[in-house]
Amino acid sequence: MNIWTIIQMKKQQKNLYALYIERESKKGSYMEENVEQISINVEKVNKIKSNFPDEDLLFDIAENFKVFGDSTRMKIIAALLEEELNVSEIAAITNSTPSAISHQLRVL
């Protein structure tokens, strides 16, 4: 089975799941039945939902991880894990300017 076949199967599964949710939500509860290959373990879902972090905490965590969304920042971190460096040295390593590195360091 190649990757494109797997992707198509996943898309079909998502479509089935969406139809299932729509149909079941009209009935009142979408966690009571299974549709074809899709099943929901209500006990497992409820257990995880009861232990789920609150929305504010998840938002704060997501905001912190945005810092790592820039490849230059990741290069800076990788370089600094090797050795203590000044801004000019980091700029040389990352093929950037000291000004750009200073900006990225402020973000970090």
N, C-alpha and C. Protein backbone atom coordinates (compact mmCIF):
# COMPACT_ATOMS: atom_id res chain seq x y z
N MET A 1 0.85 -1.17 0.00
CA MET A 1 0.00 0.00 0.00
C MET A 1 0.90 1.24 0.00
N ASN A 2 0.67 2.16 -0.94
CA ASN A 2 1.49 3.36 -0.99
C ASN A 2 0.88 4.49 -0.16
N ILE A 3 1.62 5.57 -0.02
CA ILE A 3 1.21 6.68 0.84
C ILE A 3 -0.07 7.33 0.34
N TRP A 4 -0.26 7.41 -0.97
CA TRP A 4 -1.46 8.06 -1.52
C TRP A 4 -2.71 7.24 -1.21
N THR A 5 -2.59 5.93 -1.23
CA THR A 5 -3.72 5.07 -0.86
C THR A 5 -4.08 5.28 0.60
N ILE A 6 -3.07 5.38 1.44
CA ILE A 6 -3.31 5.59 2.87
C ILE A 6 -3.98 6.94 3.10
N ILE A 7 -3.51 7.98 2.40
CA ILE A 7 -4.11 9.31 2.53
C ILE A 7 -5.57 9.28 2.11
N GLN A 8 -5.87 8.63 0.99
CA GLN A 8 -7.25 8.54 0.53
C GLN A 8 -8.13 7.80 1.54
N MET A 9 -7.59 6.73 2.13
CA MET A 9 -8.35 5.98 3.13
C MET A 9 -8.64 6.85 4.35
N LYS A 10 -7.65 7.64 4.77
CA LYS A 10 -7.84 8.53 5.91
C LYS A 10 -8.90 9.58 5.61
N LYS A 11 -8.88 10.13 4.39
CA LYS A 11 -9.89 11.12 4.00
C LYS A 11 -11.28 10.51 4.04
N GLN A 12 -11.41 9.29 3.52
CA GLN A 12 -12.70 8.62 3.53
C GLN A 12 -13.16 8.36 4.96
N GLN A 13 -12.22 7.98 5.81
CA GLN A 13 -12.55 7.72 7.21
C GLN A 13 -13.03 9.01 7.89
N LYS A 14 -12.36 10.15 7.61
CA LYS A 14 -12.78 11.43 8.18
C LYS A 14 -14.17 11.80 7.69
N ASN A 15 -14.43 11.57 6.40
CA ASN A 15 -15.75 11.88 5.85
C ASN A 15 -16.82 11.03 6.52
N LEU A 16 -16.55 9.76 6.70
CA LEU A 16 -17.50 8.88 7.38
C LEU A 16 -17.74 9.35 8.81
N TYR A 17 -16.67 9.73 9.47
CA TYR A 17 -16.79 10.19 10.85
C TYR A 17 -17.62 11.47 10.93
N ALA A 18 -17.40 12.39 9.99
CA ALA A 18 -18.17 13.64 9.97
C ALA A 18 -19.66 13.35 9.75
N LEU A 19 -19.96 12.45 8.83
CA LEU A 19 -21.36 12.07 8.61
C LEU A 19 -21.96 11.42 9.85
N TYR A 20 -21.18 10.59 10.48
CA TYR A 20 -21.62 9.91 11.71
C TYR A 20 -21.94 10.92 12.80
N ILE A 21 -21.04 11.88 13.01
CA ILE A 21 -21.24 12.90 14.03
C ILE A 21 -22.50 13.71 13.72
N GLU A 22 -22.65 14.09 12.46
CA GLU A 22 -23.82 14.87 12.06
C GLU A 22 -25.11 14.10 12.33
N ARG A 23 -25.14 12.84 11.92
CA ARG A 23 -26.34 12.02 12.10
C ARG A 23 -26.65 11.80 13.58
N GLU A 24 -25.62 11.49 14.34
CA GLU A 24 -25.82 11.19 15.75
C GLU A 24 -26.15 12.44 16.57
N SER A 25 -25.60 13.59 16.17
CA SER A 25 -25.90 14.81 16.91
C SER A 25 -27.37 15.17 16.76
N LYS A 26 -27.97 14.81 15.63
CA LYS A 26 -29.40 15.04 15.44
C LYS A 26 -30.21 14.15 16.37
N LYS A 27 -29.68 12.97 16.72
CA LYS A 27 -30.35 12.06 17.63
C LYS A 27 -30.18 12.50 19.08
N GLY A 28 -29.14 13.27 19.35
CA GLY A 28 -28.91 13.72 20.72
C GLY A 28 -27.55 13.32 21.24
N SER A 29 -27.06 12.15 20.92
CA SER A 29 -25.75 11.72 21.40
C SER A 29 -25.02 11.01 20.28
N TYR A 30 -23.78 11.41 20.04
CA TYR A 30 -23.01 10.78 18.97
C TYR A 30 -21.99 9.79 19.49
N MET A 31 -22.04 9.45 20.76
CA MET A 31 -21.06 8.52 21.31
C MET A 31 -21.64 7.15 21.60
N GLU A 32 -22.82 6.87 21.14
CA GLU A 32 -23.46 5.63 21.54
C GLU A 32 -23.32 4.51 20.51
N GLU A 33 -23.07 4.83 19.24
CA GLU A 33 -23.04 3.80 18.21
C GLU A 33 -21.73 3.84 17.43
N ASN A 34 -21.53 2.82 16.64
CA ASN A 34 -20.36 2.76 15.75
C ASN A 34 -20.84 2.83 14.31
N VAL A 35 -20.03 3.41 13.45
CA VAL A 35 -20.31 3.44 12.03
C VAL A 35 -19.15 2.78 11.33
N GLU A 36 -19.43 1.76 10.59
CA GLU A 36 -18.44 0.98 9.87
C GLU A 36 -17.19 0.75 10.72
N GLN A 37 -16.03 1.31 10.33
CA GLN A 37 -14.79 1.05 11.04
C GLN A 37 -14.54 2.04 12.17
N ILE A 38 -15.41 3.01 12.33
CA ILE A 38 -15.18 4.05 13.32
C ILE A 38 -15.91 3.69 14.59
N SER A 39 -15.18 3.70 15.69
CA SER A 39 -15.82 3.42 16.97
C SER A 39 -15.30 4.39 18.01
N ILE A 40 -16.12 4.66 19.00
CA ILE A 40 -15.74 5.56 20.08
C ILE A 40 -15.91 4.82 21.38
N ASN A 41 -14.85 4.76 22.14
CA ASN A 41 -14.90 4.17 23.47
C ASN A 41 -15.30 5.29 24.43
N VAL A 42 -16.57 5.32 24.81
CA VAL A 42 -17.12 6.41 25.62
C VAL A 42 -16.38 6.52 26.95
N GLU A 43 -16.09 5.41 27.55
CA GLU A 43 -15.38 5.41 28.84
C GLU A 43 -14.01 6.07 28.71
N LYS A 44 -13.28 5.72 27.66
CA LYS A 44 -11.96 6.28 27.43
C LYS A 44 -12.03 7.79 27.16
N VAL A 45 -12.99 8.18 26.32
CA VAL A 45 -13.15 9.59 25.98
C VAL A 45 -13.49 10.40 27.23
N ASN A 46 -14.43 9.92 28.02
CA ASN A 46 -14.82 10.63 29.24
C ASN A 46 -13.68 10.72 30.25
N LYS A 47 -12.89 9.66 30.36
CA LYS A 47 -11.74 9.66 31.28
C LYS A 47 -10.74 10.74 30.87
N ILE A 48 -10.43 10.79 29.57
CA ILE A 48 -9.47 11.77 29.08
C ILE A 48 -10.03 13.18 29.23
N LYS A 49 -11.29 13.38 28.90
CA LYS A 49 -11.90 14.70 29.03
C LYS A 49 -11.90 15.19 30.47
N SER A 50 -12.09 14.27 31.42
CA SER A 50 -12.12 14.68 32.82
C SER A 50 -10.74 15.09 33.33
N ASN A 51 -9.68 14.57 32.71
CA ASN A 51 -8.31 14.91 33.11
C ASN A 51 -7.67 15.96 32.22
N PHE A 52 -8.42 16.47 31.27
CA PHE A 52 -7.89 17.42 30.30
C PHE A 52 -7.55 18.74 30.95
N PRO A 53 -6.41 19.36 30.59
CA PRO A 53 -6.05 20.67 31.15
C PRO A 53 -7.07 21.73 30.73
N ASP A 54 -7.19 22.78 31.53
CA ASP A 54 -8.15 23.83 31.18
C ASP A 54 -7.65 24.63 29.98
N GLU A 55 -8.58 25.35 29.37
CA GLU A 55 -8.31 26.06 28.11
C GLU A 55 -7.20 27.11 28.26
N ASP A 56 -7.16 27.82 29.39
CA ASP A 56 -6.14 28.86 29.60
C ASP A 56 -4.73 28.25 29.61
N LEU A 57 -4.58 27.12 30.28
CA LEU A 57 -3.28 26.46 30.33
C LEU A 57 -2.85 26.00 28.94
N LEU A 58 -3.76 25.41 28.19
CA LEU A 58 -3.45 24.96 26.83
C LEU A 58 -3.06 26.14 25.94
N PHE A 59 -3.75 27.26 26.11
CA PHE A 59 -3.41 28.46 25.33
C PHE A 59 -2.00 28.93 25.66
N ASP A 60 -1.66 28.98 26.95
CA ASP A 60 -0.32 29.41 27.37
C ASP A 60 0.76 28.49 26.83
N ILE A 61 0.52 27.21 26.86
CA ILE A 61 1.50 26.24 26.33
C ILE A 61 1.68 26.45 24.83
N ALA A 62 0.58 26.64 24.11
CA ALA A 62 0.66 26.86 22.66
C ALA A 62 1.43 28.13 22.34
N GLU A 63 1.20 29.17 23.13
CA GLU A 63 1.93 30.42 22.92
C GLU A 63 3.43 30.22 23.14
N ASN A 64 3.80 29.45 24.16
CA ASN A 64 5.22 29.18 24.41
C ASN A 64 5.86 28.40 23.27
N PHE A 65 5.13 27.45 22.70
CA PHE A 65 5.70 26.66 21.62
C PHE A 65 5.80 27.44 20.31
N LYS A 66 5.05 28.52 20.17
CA LYS A 66 5.17 29.36 18.97
C LYS A 66 6.58 29.92 18.84
N VAL A 67 7.25 30.10 19.97
CA VAL A 67 8.61 30.61 19.97
C VAL A 67 9.52 29.72 19.13
N PHE A 68 9.24 28.42 19.11
CA PHE A 68 10.09 27.48 18.39
C PHE A 68 9.68 27.34 16.93
N GLY A 69 8.72 28.14 16.47
CA GLY A 69 8.21 28.03 15.12
C GLY A 69 9.06 28.69 14.05
N ASP A 70 10.18 29.26 14.42
CA ASP A 70 11.04 29.94 13.46
C ASP A 70 12.36 29.19 13.37
N SER A 71 12.79 28.88 12.16
CA SER A 71 14.01 28.06 12.00
C SER A 71 15.25 28.79 12.51
N THR A 72 15.27 30.13 12.40
CA THR A 72 16.42 30.88 12.91
C THR A 72 16.53 30.71 14.42
N ARG A 73 15.39 30.77 15.11
CA ARG A 73 15.41 30.58 16.56
C ARG A 73 15.90 29.19 16.93
N MET A 74 15.51 28.21 16.15
CA MET A 74 15.96 26.85 16.42
C MET A 74 17.47 26.71 16.16
N LYS A 75 17.96 27.40 15.14
CA LYS A 75 19.41 27.41 14.87
C LYS A 75 20.16 28.05 16.04
N ILE A 76 19.61 29.15 16.56
CA ILE A 76 20.23 29.82 17.70
C ILE A 76 20.29 28.89 18.90
N ILE A 77 19.19 28.23 19.18
CA ILE A 77 19.16 27.29 20.31
C ILE A 77 20.17 26.17 20.11
N ALA A 78 20.20 25.61 18.90
CA ALA A 78 21.14 24.53 18.61
C ALA A 78 22.58 24.99 18.80
N ALA A 79 22.88 26.19 18.34
CA ALA A 79 24.25 26.72 18.48
C ALA A 79 24.59 26.94 19.95
N LEU A 80 23.66 27.51 20.70
CA LEU A 80 23.93 27.80 22.11
C LEU A 80 23.99 26.54 22.96
N LEU A 81 23.39 25.47 22.49
CA LEU A 81 23.52 24.19 23.21
C LEU A 81 24.94 23.64 23.10
N GLU A 82 25.62 24.03 22.03
CA GLU A 82 26.99 23.58 21.83
C GLU A 82 27.97 24.37 22.69
N GLU A 83 27.77 25.70 22.72
CA GLU A 83 28.74 26.55 23.42
C GLU A 83 28.16 27.94 23.62
N GLU A 84 28.64 28.65 24.63
CA GLU A 84 28.25 30.05 24.84
C GLU A 84 28.82 30.88 23.71
N LEU A 85 27.96 31.72 23.11
CA LEU A 85 28.36 32.51 21.94
C LEU A 85 27.85 33.93 22.08
N ASN A 86 28.54 34.87 21.44
CA ASN A 86 28.01 36.24 21.40
C ASN A 86 27.14 36.40 20.14
N VAL A 87 26.49 37.54 20.04
CA VAL A 87 25.54 37.77 18.95
C VAL A 87 26.22 37.69 17.59
N SER A 88 27.41 38.24 17.47
CA SER A 88 28.12 38.20 16.18
C SER A 88 28.47 36.77 15.78
N GLU A 89 28.86 35.96 16.75
CA GLU A 89 29.19 34.55 16.45
C GLU A 89 27.94 33.79 16.01
N ILE A 90 26.84 34.05 16.69
CA ILE A 90 25.58 33.38 16.30
C ILE A 90 25.17 33.83 14.90
N ALA A 91 25.33 35.12 14.61
CA ALA A 91 24.99 35.64 13.28
C ALA A 91 25.82 34.95 12.20
N ALA A 92 27.11 34.75 12.47
CA ALA A 92 27.98 34.07 11.50
C ALA A 92 27.54 32.62 11.29
N ILE A 93 27.20 31.96 12.38
CA ILE A 93 26.79 30.55 12.29
C ILE A 93 25.48 30.39 11.53
N THR A 94 24.55 31.32 11.74
CA THR A 94 23.22 31.21 11.13
C THR A 94 23.09 31.97 9.81
N ASN A 95 24.18 32.53 9.33
CA ASN A 95 24.16 33.33 8.09
C ASN A 95 23.12 34.45 8.18
N SER A 96 23.19 35.16 9.28
CA SER A 96 22.24 36.23 9.53
C SER A 96 22.99 37.48 9.98
N THR A 97 22.26 38.54 10.31
CA THR A 97 22.90 39.76 10.79
C THR A 97 22.79 39.81 12.32
N PRO A 98 23.71 40.51 12.97
CA PRO A 98 23.62 40.66 14.43
C PRO A 98 22.30 41.29 14.86
N SER A 99 21.79 42.22 14.07
CA SER A 99 20.52 42.86 14.38
C SER A 99 19.37 41.84 14.38
N ALA A 100 19.36 40.99 13.35
CA ALA A 100 18.31 39.97 13.27
C ALA A 100 18.42 38.98 14.42
N ILE A 101 19.66 38.62 14.79
CA ILE A 101 19.85 37.69 15.90
C ILE A 101 19.40 38.32 17.20
N SER A 102 19.72 39.60 17.41
CA SER A 102 19.26 40.29 18.61
C SER A 102 17.75 40.28 18.71
N HIS A 103 17.08 40.49 17.60
CA HIS A 103 15.63 40.46 17.60
C HIS A 103 15.12 39.06 17.98
N GLN A 104 15.71 38.04 17.39
CA GLN A 104 15.28 36.68 17.71
C GLN A 104 15.57 36.31 19.15
N LEU A 105 16.67 36.80 19.69
CA LEU A 105 16.99 36.53 21.08
C LEU A 105 15.99 37.21 22.02
N ARG A 106 15.51 38.39 21.64
CA ARG A 106 14.46 39.05 22.45
C ARG A 106 13.21 38.18 22.49
N VAL A 107 12.85 37.61 21.35
CA VAL A 107 11.67 36.75 21.29
C VAL A 107 11.87 35.51 22.17
N LEU A 108 13.08 34.95 22.08
CA LEU A 108 13.35 33.76 22.89
C LEU A 108 13.38 34.11 24.36
